[in-house]
Amino acid sequence: MTPLVGAEQMRELDRITIEELGIPSLVLMETAGRAVAEAVARMDPRGPVLIVAGRGNNGGDGVVVARALVDRGVPVQVMVLGSLDRVSKDLGHQLAVARRLKIEVEALGGAELEARLRAALSGAAVVVDAIFGTGLAREVTGDAALAVGLIRASNKPVVAVDIPTGIDADTGQVLGVAVRADVTVTFAFPKLGHALYPGRAHSGRLEVVDIGIPRSLVSKPSAIWLDDSIIERARPPRAPDAHKGSFGHLGVIAGSADRPGAALLACRAGLRAGAGLVSLASSRSVIERLGGSLLEVMGLSAGEDELSARVVIDGLTKRRVNALAIGPSLDPCEGLESFLREVLDAIAVPVVLDAGALDALGSDPSWLKAHAAGVVLTPHPGEMARVLGLDTATVQGARLEAARGLAEVSGATVVLKGASTVISDPDGTVGIVTRGHPGMATGGSGDVLTGIIGALLAQGSDVPLAARAGAQLHALAGDRAKEARGHRLIASDLVEALAGS
């Protein structure tokens, strides 16, 4: 798994490396620029490479790129946005070196900017975006915005230095306008903006290069980029003499008369994710309608229309469930919050809450902190917005902050679903899942995730690990299902793909 850092953390890492360890900033810049030049050279440009640079240290990296490419015999054209008299100290040094080597650097601005840059772009084989880096915290405007627009309109291959210009390094959001890169070469550690959309899409293929900043300096990263190794950490070993009781009993409380399939998907996902036993507590109509579909699932009829908390508690306690998964297609009703509180008060096992159960949390989910066995919440952006009293656009614009906020107030581990799923613990520790694809955006996909996380909890995984591994396993199943069936998946395809994931 890979540490992810934000803009402020990266600034501090730079500072420590330069000021406390004594590694000069120009050494870091030289290493960074040459790494970008190598990435450009691998593209085998059949013509000049155009470097469009800003007046800060990202521009300094760009001038090093030019010098390194000239050393390789690659023709270059370097354009700096704005006056060459007002540049960062390190860029000034690089410009002086370039002049001594007779590498021409043009200042680009004013009325001629558009015509000159358009002409340069028309003749370029590859464009290097060295305008703004990870320190950008405002909208791209003026000449820089015009340059970004022209680069995008040129449709030329683009290599971005550190992060595409216009992408917020902390959120992945577009700051007005942004470059779309084919390749982004970033330094030391990937940034949050590389993992979160839309920055992830703008970054293209991401290459992370070592420029001399020690990895040991990062004791607590801004987030962790999760990979498949976390899945096996959450799965217990299967001993030769194991039996069904060795792998936990998951109690699923789900289903409604018009959407019984959600309950079935959660149950089947729980079994495919390794739970030894699964019981479904639902209304009589759901149990009867599913009938023969519940071949491997034990049914518990818990009321005619509304579920009886007492029947659910008595039935699942008697069956000694090890974890609960509550919510898929549960109809929101006036008594659902009190039902949920009563069940969690009585059954002291870890629980994952989804869908209808999230709507029952009320305006103050802090009461979940009393459930000492641990809670996982799995909202999609709309559900997250309702719980936090925000609009969906606000949640999507600050996914890390939203997940951390709900985790802190509820005491639960929060899985904010969507492209680049964000998982936050109450202490602010965050994991990000970047597996998966748009074909997983189908009805019932979230019910499958609920069953997976519930199964890992039932098998004894701790709450944070079950949430992270469950989200990664869900995405892995989606990728496996795509290999077998293509993009247009249904939720049942994900369940079946779990068998080999």
Protein backbone atom coordinates (compact mmCIF):
# COMPACT_ATOMS: atom_id res chain seq x y z
CA MET A 1 0.00 0.00 0.00
CA THR A 2 1.20 3.48 -0.88
CA PRO A 3 1.20 6.67 1.23
CA LEU A 4 -0.68 9.62 -0.24
CA VAL A 5 0.21 13.17 0.75
CA GLY A 6 -1.48 16.54 0.43
CA ALA A 7 -0.04 19.89 -0.58
CA GLU A 8 0.83 21.11 2.91
CA GLN A 9 2.41 17.80 3.91
CA MET A 10 4.47 17.81 0.71
CA ARG A 11 5.66 21.36 1.44
CA GLU A 12 6.79 20.24 4.88
CA LEU A 13 8.60 17.21 3.45
CA ASP A 14 10.42 19.51 1.03
CA ARG A 15 11.33 21.86 3.86
CA ILE A 16 12.69 19.12 6.12
CA THR A 17 14.70 17.59 3.29
CA ILE A 18 16.24 20.92 2.29
CA GLU A 19 16.64 22.74 5.61
CA GLU A 20 17.14 19.95 8.15
CA LEU A 21 18.75 17.18 6.11
CA GLY A 22 20.79 19.56 3.99
CA ILE A 23 19.87 18.23 0.55
CA PRO A 24 19.85 21.32 -1.70
CA SER A 25 16.62 22.23 -3.46
CA LEU A 26 18.51 22.39 -6.76
CA VAL A 27 19.52 18.74 -6.34
CA LEU A 28 15.88 17.77 -5.87
CA MET A 29 14.91 19.88 -8.90
CA GLU A 30 17.62 18.35 -11.06
CA THR A 31 16.55 14.81 -10.15
CA ALA A 32 12.88 15.63 -10.70
CA GLY A 33 13.40 17.28 -14.07
CA ARG A 34 15.57 14.48 -15.38
CA ALA A 35 12.94 11.92 -14.35
CA VAL A 36 10.32 13.83 -16.34
CA ALA A 37 12.69 14.00 -19.31
CA GLU A 38 13.06 10.22 -19.20
CA ALA A 39 9.29 9.84 -19.30
CA VAL A 40 9.12 12.16 -22.31
CA ALA A 41 11.94 10.30 -24.07
CA ARG A 42 10.10 7.00 -23.62
CA MET A 43 7.28 8.48 -25.69
CA ASP A 44 9.77 8.66 -28.59
CA PRO A 45 8.75 12.13 -29.75
CA ARG A 46 9.06 12.57 -33.51
CA GLY A 47 9.55 16.31 -33.39
CA PRO A 48 10.18 19.12 -30.91
CA VAL A 49 9.03 18.97 -27.30
CA LEU A 50 7.29 22.12 -26.08
CA ILE A 51 7.77 22.96 -22.40
CA VAL A 52 5.19 25.46 -21.12
CA ALA A 53 6.42 26.69 -17.74
CA GLY A 54 5.21 28.89 -14.95
CA ARG A 55 7.36 31.28 -12.92
CA GLY A 56 7.67 29.06 -9.84
CA ASN A 57 9.61 25.92 -9.04
CA ASN A 58 7.36 23.79 -11.25
CA GLY A 59 8.68 25.93 -14.08
CA GLY A 60 12.20 25.28 -12.81
CA ASP A 61 11.57 21.56 -13.14
CA GLY A 62 10.42 22.25 -16.69
CA VAL A 63 13.65 24.02 -17.62
CA VAL A 64 15.63 21.05 -16.28
CA VAL A 65 13.46 18.82 -18.50
CA ALA A 66 14.47 20.93 -21.49
CA ARG A 67 18.16 20.71 -20.67
CA ALA A 68 17.99 16.93 -20.15
CA LEU A 69 16.18 16.44 -23.45
CA VAL A 70 18.73 18.57 -25.31
CA ASP A 71 21.42 16.27 -23.87
CA ARG A 72 19.56 13.40 -25.55
CA GLY A 73 19.44 15.21 -28.87
CA VAL A 74 15.73 16.01 -28.64
CA PRO A 75 14.78 19.46 -29.97
CA VAL A 76 12.92 21.61 -27.44
CA GLN A 77 11.07 24.89 -27.23
CA VAL A 78 10.68 26.52 -23.81
CA MET A 79 8.02 29.13 -23.08
CA VAL A 80 7.59 30.75 -19.65
CA LEU A 81 4.31 32.47 -18.87
CA GLY A 82 5.05 36.03 -17.79
CA SER A 83 8.15 38.11 -17.28
CA LEU A 84 11.48 36.36 -16.77
CA ASP A 85 12.45 39.07 -14.27
CA ARG A 86 9.94 37.90 -11.64
CA VAL A 87 10.58 34.22 -11.10
CA SER A 88 11.40 31.96 -8.15
CA LYS A 89 15.03 31.76 -7.03
CA ASP A 90 15.52 28.20 -8.26
CA LEU A 91 13.85 28.90 -11.61
CA GLY A 92 16.15 31.91 -11.97
CA HIS A 93 19.13 29.61 -11.46
CA GLN A 94 17.84 27.17 -14.10
CA LEU A 95 17.26 29.99 -16.58
CA ALA A 96 20.86 31.13 -16.09
CA VAL A 97 22.14 27.60 -16.77
CA ALA A 98 19.95 27.36 -19.86
CA ARG A 99 21.32 30.65 -21.20
CA ARG A 100 24.91 29.43 -20.75
CA LEU A 101 24.00 26.33 -22.75
CA LYS A 102 22.41 28.47 -25.46
CA ILE A 103 18.95 27.00 -24.78
CA GLU A 104 16.48 29.69 -25.76
CA VAL A 105 13.69 30.46 -23.30
CA GLU A 106 10.84 32.70 -24.44
CA ALA A 107 8.76 34.89 -22.16
CA LEU A 108 5.14 34.46 -23.11
CA GLY A 109 2.43 36.98 -22.33
CA GLY A 110 0.36 39.89 -23.48
CA ALA A 111 -1.47 40.23 -26.76
CA GLU A 112 0.85 37.85 -28.63
CA LEU A 113 0.45 34.94 -26.21
CA GLU A 114 -2.35 33.15 -28.01
CA ALA A 115 -0.85 33.33 -31.49
CA ARG A 116 2.67 32.39 -30.37
CA LEU A 117 1.57 29.49 -28.18
CA ARG A 118 -0.86 28.21 -30.80
CA ALA A 119 1.95 28.19 -33.37
CA ALA A 120 4.32 26.41 -30.99
CA LEU A 121 1.70 23.81 -30.17
CA SER A 122 0.99 23.11 -33.83
CA GLY A 123 4.60 22.05 -34.38
CA ALA A 124 5.11 20.16 -31.11
CA ALA A 125 5.27 16.39 -30.85
CA VAL A 126 4.84 16.38 -27.05
CA VAL A 127 3.88 19.10 -24.57
CA VAL A 128 5.32 19.29 -21.05
CA ASP A 129 2.99 21.03 -18.58
CA ALA A 130 5.20 22.80 -16.02
CA ILE A 131 2.91 25.74 -15.27
CA PHE A 132 1.64 25.11 -11.74
CA GLY A 133 2.41 22.30 -9.30
CA THR A 134 0.96 21.00 -6.06
CA GLY A 135 1.08 24.37 -4.32
CA LEU A 136 -1.75 25.82 -6.41
CA ALA A 137 -4.66 26.81 -4.15
CA ARG A 138 -6.63 29.23 -6.32
CA GLU A 139 -8.44 29.17 -9.63
CA VAL A 140 -6.34 29.29 -12.78
CA THR A 141 -7.01 32.62 -14.48
CA GLY A 142 -5.54 35.04 -17.00
CA ASP A 143 -2.68 33.96 -19.24
CA ALA A 144 -2.36 30.62 -17.44
CA ALA A 145 -6.02 29.79 -18.11
CA LEU A 146 -5.60 30.74 -21.76
CA ALA A 147 -2.51 28.53 -22.03
CA VAL A 148 -4.31 25.58 -20.44
CA GLY A 149 -7.18 25.98 -22.88
CA LEU A 150 -4.83 26.05 -25.86
CA ILE A 151 -2.92 22.99 -24.63
CA ARG A 152 -6.18 21.08 -24.26
CA ALA A 153 -7.45 22.17 -27.67
CA SER A 154 -4.21 21.08 -29.37
CA ASN A 155 -4.86 17.40 -28.60
CA LYS A 156 -1.10 16.87 -28.35
CA PRO A 157 0.31 14.26 -25.94
CA VAL A 158 0.94 15.93 -22.58
CA VAL A 159 3.34 15.05 -19.77
CA ALA A 160 2.52 16.89 -16.54
CA VAL A 161 5.19 17.82 -14.02
CA ASP A 162 4.11 16.64 -10.53
CA ILE A 163 0.37 17.28 -11.08
CA PRO A 164 -1.62 18.63 -14.03
CA THR A 165 -1.98 22.40 -13.88
CA GLY A 166 -5.34 23.31 -12.38
CA ILE A 167 -5.84 20.20 -10.24
CA ASP A 168 -6.13 20.71 -6.48
CA ALA A 169 -3.52 18.45 -4.89
CA ASP A 170 -5.72 17.88 -1.82
CA THR A 171 -9.14 17.24 -3.37
CA GLY A 172 -8.61 16.39 -7.03
CA GLN A 173 -11.03 19.17 -7.95
CA VAL A 174 -10.53 21.38 -11.01
CA LEU A 175 -9.51 24.91 -10.07
CA GLY A 176 -11.26 26.71 -12.91
CA VAL A 177 -9.58 24.93 -15.81
CA ALA A 178 -7.09 22.07 -15.86
CA VAL A 179 -4.69 20.30 -18.18
CA ARG A 180 -5.55 16.74 -19.18
CA ALA A 181 -2.28 14.81 -19.15
CA ASP A 182 -1.46 11.52 -20.80
CA VAL A 183 1.32 10.95 -18.26
CA THR A 184 1.96 12.64 -14.93
CA VAL A 185 5.36 12.27 -13.30
CA THR A 186 5.08 13.04 -9.60
CA PHE A 187 7.82 13.24 -7.04
CA ALA A 188 8.44 11.23 -3.86
CA PHE A 189 4.80 10.32 -3.15
CA PRO A 190 1.53 10.38 -5.08
CA LYS A 191 -0.76 13.20 -4.04
CA LEU A 192 -4.37 13.00 -2.91
CA GLY A 193 -5.38 14.80 -6.09
CA HIS A 194 -3.96 11.96 -8.18
CA ALA A 195 -6.24 9.42 -6.48
CA LEU A 196 -9.47 11.45 -6.30
CA TYR A 197 -11.68 12.39 -9.22
CA PRO A 198 -11.62 14.39 -11.38
CA GLY A 199 -7.88 14.77 -10.76
CA ARG A 200 -7.38 11.06 -11.25
CA ALA A 201 -8.81 11.28 -14.77
CA HIS A 202 -6.75 14.39 -15.59
CA SER A 203 -3.50 12.73 -14.46
CA GLY A 204 -3.45 9.96 -17.06
CA ARG A 205 -0.83 7.32 -16.32
CA LEU A 206 0.85 8.18 -13.04
CA GLU A 207 4.58 7.63 -12.54
CA VAL A 208 5.98 8.15 -9.03
CA VAL A 209 9.73 8.82 -8.96
CA ASP A 210 12.23 9.02 -6.11
CA ILE A 211 14.02 12.37 -6.06
CA GLY A 212 15.82 11.96 -2.73
CA ILE A 213 13.13 12.76 -0.15
CA PRO A 214 13.36 9.93 2.42
CA ARG A 215 10.20 7.83 2.72
CA SER A 216 10.87 7.54 6.45
CA LEU A 217 9.84 11.18 6.87
CA VAL A 218 6.19 10.22 6.41
CA SER A 219 5.02 8.75 9.71
CA LYS A 220 1.33 9.55 9.15
CA PRO A 221 0.37 10.08 5.51
CA SER A 222 -2.69 12.10 4.52
CA ALA A 223 -4.20 8.84 3.25
CA ILE A 224 -3.24 5.35 2.09
CA TRP A 225 -3.66 4.21 -1.50
CA LEU A 226 -5.03 0.70 -0.93
CA ASP A 227 -4.10 -2.36 -2.96
CA ASP A 228 -5.12 -6.02 -3.05
CA SER A 229 -2.67 -7.03 -0.32
CA ILE A 230 -5.14 -5.77 2.27
CA ILE A 231 -7.71 -8.40 1.29
CA GLU A 232 -5.78 -11.41 2.57
CA ARG A 233 -5.01 -9.59 5.82
CA ALA A 234 -8.75 -9.57 6.55
CA ARG A 235 -9.35 -13.23 5.72
CA PRO A 236 -8.67 -15.91 8.33
CA PRO A 237 -6.59 -18.89 7.21
CA ARG A 238 -8.69 -21.95 6.35
CA ALA A 239 -7.36 -24.86 8.41
CA PRO A 240 -7.78 -28.38 6.99
CA ASP A 241 -10.13 -29.30 9.86
CA ALA A 242 -12.20 -26.09 9.72
CA HIS A 243 -16.00 -26.21 9.73
CA LYS A 244 -18.74 -23.71 8.92
CA GLY A 245 -18.66 -22.35 12.44
CA SER A 246 -15.00 -21.45 12.00
CA PHE A 247 -15.86 -18.61 9.64
CA GLY A 248 -18.54 -16.75 11.49
CA HIS A 249 -22.28 -16.27 11.30
CA LEU A 250 -23.54 -13.10 9.61
CA GLY A 251 -26.98 -11.78 10.46
CA VAL A 252 -28.53 -9.73 7.64
CA ILE A 253 -31.50 -7.48 8.44
CA ALA A 254 -32.78 -6.31 5.08
CA GLY A 255 -35.46 -6.45 2.43
CA SER A 256 -38.81 -4.90 1.59
CA ALA A 257 -41.90 -6.15 -0.21
CA ASP A 258 -41.08 -4.27 -3.42
CA ARG A 259 -37.29 -4.83 -3.28
CA PRO A 260 -36.58 -8.25 -1.80
CA GLY A 261 -33.60 -8.77 -4.12
CA ALA A 262 -31.38 -6.40 -2.13
CA ALA A 263 -31.56 -8.72 0.86
CA LEU A 264 -30.68 -11.70 -1.31
CA LEU A 265 -27.69 -9.92 -2.85
CA ALA A 266 -26.31 -8.99 0.57
CA CYS A 267 -26.75 -12.56 1.83
CA ARG A 268 -25.13 -14.17 -1.20
CA ALA A 269 -22.26 -11.69 -1.11
CA GLY A 270 -21.73 -12.54 2.55
CA LEU A 271 -21.46 -16.22 1.73
CA ARG A 272 -19.20 -15.66 -1.27
CA ALA A 273 -16.97 -13.42 0.85
CA GLY A 274 -16.37 -16.28 3.24
CA ALA A 275 -18.97 -16.22 6.02
CA GLY A 276 -19.64 -19.75 7.20
CA LEU A 277 -23.33 -19.07 7.91
CA VAL A 278 -25.78 -16.32 6.95
CA SER A 279 -29.20 -15.66 8.46
CA LEU A 280 -31.70 -13.24 6.92
CA ALA A 281 -34.13 -11.48 9.24
CA SER A 282 -36.90 -9.85 7.26
CA SER A 283 -40.65 -9.53 6.99
CA ARG A 284 -42.75 -12.60 6.34
CA SER A 285 -43.56 -11.41 2.81
CA VAL A 286 -39.87 -11.08 1.91
CA ILE A 287 -38.97 -14.49 3.31
CA GLU A 288 -41.88 -16.09 1.46
CA ARG A 289 -41.18 -14.27 -1.82
CA LEU A 290 -37.53 -15.24 -1.85
CA GLY A 291 -38.49 -18.79 -1.04
CA GLY A 292 -36.33 -21.19 -3.00
CA SER A 293 -33.73 -18.49 -3.70
CA LEU A 294 -32.51 -18.76 -0.10
CA LEU A 295 -30.89 -22.15 -0.64
CA GLU A 296 -27.83 -21.46 1.55
CA VAL A 297 -29.40 -18.78 3.77
CA MET A 298 -31.38 -19.34 6.97
CA GLY A 299 -34.52 -17.23 7.04
CA LEU A 300 -36.01 -15.53 10.09
CA SER A 301 -39.53 -14.18 9.67
CA ALA A 302 -39.67 -11.14 11.93
CA GLY A 303 -43.06 -9.55 11.33
CA GLU A 304 -45.76 -9.05 8.75
CA ASP A 305 -44.83 -5.64 7.33
CA GLU A 306 -42.77 -3.87 10.00
CA LEU A 307 -39.98 -5.82 11.65
CA SER A 308 -40.29 -6.72 15.31
CA ALA A 309 -37.11 -5.80 17.15
CA ARG A 310 -37.83 -8.40 19.82
CA VAL A 311 -38.22 -11.22 17.27
CA VAL A 312 -35.04 -10.15 15.48
CA ILE A 313 -33.07 -9.90 18.72
CA ASP A 314 -34.27 -13.23 20.08
CA GLY A 315 -33.79 -15.05 16.78
CA LEU A 316 -30.32 -13.74 15.93
CA THR A 317 -29.11 -14.04 19.52
CA LYS A 318 -30.20 -17.66 19.59
CA ARG A 319 -28.28 -18.25 16.36
CA ARG A 320 -25.17 -16.62 17.86
CA VAL A 321 -24.42 -14.26 15.01
CA ASN A 322 -20.93 -12.76 14.99
CA ALA A 323 -21.77 -9.65 12.96
CA LEU A 324 -24.75 -7.77 11.56
CA ALA A 325 -25.43 -6.18 8.16
CA ILE A 326 -28.44 -3.91 8.35
CA GLY A 327 -30.20 -1.76 5.80
CA PRO A 328 -30.37 -2.99 2.19
CA SER A 329 -33.85 -1.99 0.90
CA LEU A 330 -35.26 -1.46 4.40
CA ASP A 331 -38.15 0.96 3.99
CA PRO A 332 -37.69 4.17 5.97
CA CYS A 333 -40.47 4.50 8.51
CA GLU A 334 -41.15 6.34 11.74
CA GLY A 335 -40.09 3.45 13.93
CA LEU A 336 -36.91 2.46 12.11
CA GLU A 337 -34.54 4.55 14.25
CA SER A 338 -35.92 3.09 17.49
CA PHE A 339 -35.77 -0.41 15.93
CA LEU A 340 -32.12 0.14 15.03
CA ARG A 341 -31.22 1.46 18.48
CA GLU A 342 -32.95 -1.46 20.19
CA VAL A 343 -31.20 -4.08 18.04
CA LEU A 344 -27.75 -2.52 18.48
CA ASP A 345 -28.26 -2.15 22.23
CA ALA A 346 -29.15 -5.84 22.52
CA ILE A 347 -26.72 -7.55 20.10
CA ALA A 348 -23.12 -6.63 20.93
CA VAL A 349 -21.42 -7.56 17.65
CA PRO A 350 -19.84 -5.38 14.95
CA VAL A 351 -22.31 -4.04 12.42
CA VAL A 352 -22.33 -2.54 8.93
CA LEU A 353 -25.17 -0.10 8.19
CA ASP A 354 -26.33 0.75 4.68
CA ALA A 355 -29.25 2.27 2.77
CA GLY A 356 -32.40 2.33 4.93
CA ALA A 357 -30.38 2.03 8.12
CA LEU A 358 -28.45 5.18 7.20
CA ASP A 359 -31.68 7.08 6.73
CA ALA A 360 -32.68 5.98 10.24
CA LEU A 361 -29.63 7.53 11.92
CA GLY A 362 -31.38 10.83 12.48
CA SER A 363 -29.72 14.23 12.53
CA ASP A 364 -27.24 13.23 15.25
CA PRO A 365 -25.51 9.90 14.56
CA SER A 366 -23.26 10.32 17.62
CA TRP A 367 -25.41 7.74 19.44
CA LEU A 368 -23.58 5.07 17.43
CA LYS A 369 -20.51 5.66 19.63
CA ALA A 370 -22.26 3.65 22.33
CA HIS A 371 -22.02 0.50 20.19
CA ALA A 372 -18.64 -0.61 21.49
CA ALA A 373 -18.31 -3.58 19.12
CA GLY A 374 -17.82 -1.18 16.22
CA VAL A 375 -19.81 0.21 13.32
CA VAL A 376 -19.21 0.61 9.58
CA LEU A 377 -21.33 3.07 7.59
CA THR A 378 -21.47 2.73 3.79
CA PRO A 379 -23.18 5.83 2.34
CA HIS A 380 -23.21 6.86 -1.28
CA PRO A 381 -22.75 10.64 -1.80
CA GLY A 382 -26.49 11.33 -1.64
CA GLU A 383 -26.88 9.46 1.65
CA MET A 384 -23.79 11.16 3.03
CA ALA A 385 -25.25 14.54 2.12
CA ARG A 386 -28.51 13.74 3.91
CA VAL A 387 -26.78 12.56 7.08
CA LEU A 388 -24.49 15.61 7.22
CA GLY A 389 -27.13 18.12 6.12
CA LEU A 390 -25.17 19.10 3.01
CA ASP A 391 -25.83 18.94 -0.72
CA THR A 392 -24.34 16.18 -2.84
CA ALA A 393 -22.09 18.56 -4.80
CA THR A 394 -20.47 19.74 -1.57
CA VAL A 395 -19.79 16.14 -0.53
CA GLN A 396 -18.29 15.27 -3.91
CA GLY A 397 -16.10 18.37 -3.85
CA ALA A 398 -14.55 17.39 -0.51
CA ARG A 399 -14.87 13.63 -0.20
CA LEU A 400 -12.09 13.19 2.36
CA GLU A 401 -13.45 15.93 4.59
CA ALA A 402 -16.99 14.54 4.36
CA ALA A 403 -15.92 11.00 5.26
CA ARG A 404 -13.72 12.22 8.10
CA GLY A 405 -16.49 14.44 9.40
CA LEU A 406 -19.08 11.67 9.60
CA ALA A 407 -16.54 9.24 11.07
CA GLU A 408 -15.64 11.71 13.80
CA VAL A 409 -19.21 12.56 14.81
CA SER A 410 -20.49 8.96 14.66
CA GLY A 411 -17.47 7.09 15.98
CA ALA A 412 -17.88 4.72 13.01
CA THR A 413 -15.63 3.75 10.14
CA VAL A 414 -17.16 5.42 7.08
CA VAL A 415 -17.01 4.00 3.55
CA LEU A 416 -17.97 6.82 1.17
CA LYS A 417 -18.83 4.94 -2.00
CA GLY A 418 -18.19 6.10 -5.55
CA ALA A 419 -15.29 6.41 -7.96
CA SER A 420 -12.23 6.42 -5.68
CA THR A 421 -14.02 5.11 -2.59
CA VAL A 422 -12.87 6.87 0.58
CA ILE A 423 -12.72 4.99 3.90
CA SER A 424 -12.19 7.02 7.08
CA ASP A 425 -11.79 5.93 10.69
CA PRO A 426 -12.89 8.13 13.60
CA ASP A 427 -9.27 9.19 14.18
CA GLY A 428 -9.07 10.58 10.63
CA THR A 429 -7.01 7.75 9.13
CA VAL A 430 -8.08 7.39 5.49
CA GLY A 431 -7.75 4.70 2.83
CA ILE A 432 -8.65 5.17 -0.84
CA VAL A 433 -9.71 2.43 -3.27
CA THR A 434 -9.00 3.14 -6.94
CA ARG A 435 -9.88 -0.27 -8.36
CA GLY A 436 -13.24 -0.69 -10.06
CA HIS A 437 -14.93 0.85 -13.10
CA PRO A 438 -18.16 2.56 -14.23
CA GLY A 439 -19.80 -0.78 -15.04
CA MET A 440 -20.20 -1.30 -11.29
CA ALA A 441 -22.61 1.65 -11.14
CA THR A 442 -25.67 -0.58 -11.13
CA GLY A 443 -28.54 -1.24 -8.78
CA GLY A 444 -27.61 -3.64 -5.99
CA SER A 445 -23.86 -3.03 -6.13
CA GLY A 446 -23.97 -1.37 -2.70
CA ASP A 447 -25.92 -4.31 -1.25
CA VAL A 448 -23.10 -6.60 -2.37
CA LEU A 449 -20.56 -4.37 -0.60
CA THR A 450 -22.62 -4.50 2.59
CA GLY A 451 -22.62 -8.30 2.50
CA ILE A 452 -18.87 -8.43 1.88
CA ILE A 453 -18.00 -6.16 4.79
CA GLY A 454 -20.44 -8.03 7.03
CA ALA A 455 -18.79 -11.33 6.12
CA LEU A 456 -15.31 -10.05 6.97
CA LEU A 457 -16.60 -8.75 10.31
CA ALA A 458 -18.23 -12.11 11.02
CA GLN A 459 -14.92 -13.87 10.32
CA GLY A 460 -13.22 -11.81 13.01
CA SER A 461 -11.63 -8.94 11.10
CA ASP A 462 -11.45 -5.70 13.06
CA VAL A 463 -13.75 -2.92 11.92
CA PRO A 464 -11.28 -0.63 10.06
CA LEU A 465 -9.65 -3.56 8.29
CA ALA A 466 -12.99 -5.11 7.29
CA ALA A 467 -14.14 -1.80 5.81
CA ARG A 468 -10.94 -1.29 3.79
CA ALA A 469 -10.55 -4.88 2.67
CA GLY A 470 -14.26 -5.13 1.89
CA ALA A 471 -14.18 -2.07 -0.35
CA GLN A 472 -11.05 -3.34 -2.11
CA LEU A 473 -12.53 -6.83 -2.56
CA HIS A 474 -15.76 -5.36 -3.94
CA ALA A 475 -13.76 -3.38 -6.52
CA LEU A 476 -11.59 -6.40 -7.37
CA ALA A 477 -14.73 -8.46 -7.98
CA GLY A 478 -15.96 -5.70 -10.27
CA ASP A 479 -12.74 -5.82 -12.28
CA ARG A 480 -12.90 -9.62 -12.48
CA ALA A 481 -16.54 -9.48 -13.58
CA LYS A 482 -15.63 -6.98 -16.29
CA GLU A 483 -13.00 -9.38 -17.63
CA ALA A 484 -15.62 -12.11 -17.87
CA ARG A 485 -18.70 -10.14 -18.94
CA GLY A 486 -17.65 -6.70 -20.15
CA HIS A 487 -18.76 -3.29 -18.93
CA ARG A 488 -22.50 -3.82 -18.58
CA LEU A 489 -22.66 -5.65 -15.27
CA ILE A 490 -25.48 -6.46 -12.89
CA ALA A 491 -24.95 -6.85 -9.17
CA SER A 492 -25.22 -10.65 -9.35
CA ASP A 493 -22.12 -10.63 -11.58
CA LEU A 494 -20.17 -9.10 -8.70
CA VAL A 495 -21.37 -11.80 -6.32
CA GLU A 496 -20.27 -14.57 -8.67
CA ALA A 497 -16.90 -12.89 -9.26
CA LEU A 498 -16.22 -12.99 -5.51
CA ALA A 499 -15.66 -16.75 -5.77
CA GLY A 500 -12.36 -16.18 -7.57
CA SER A 501 -11.36 -12.90 -5.94
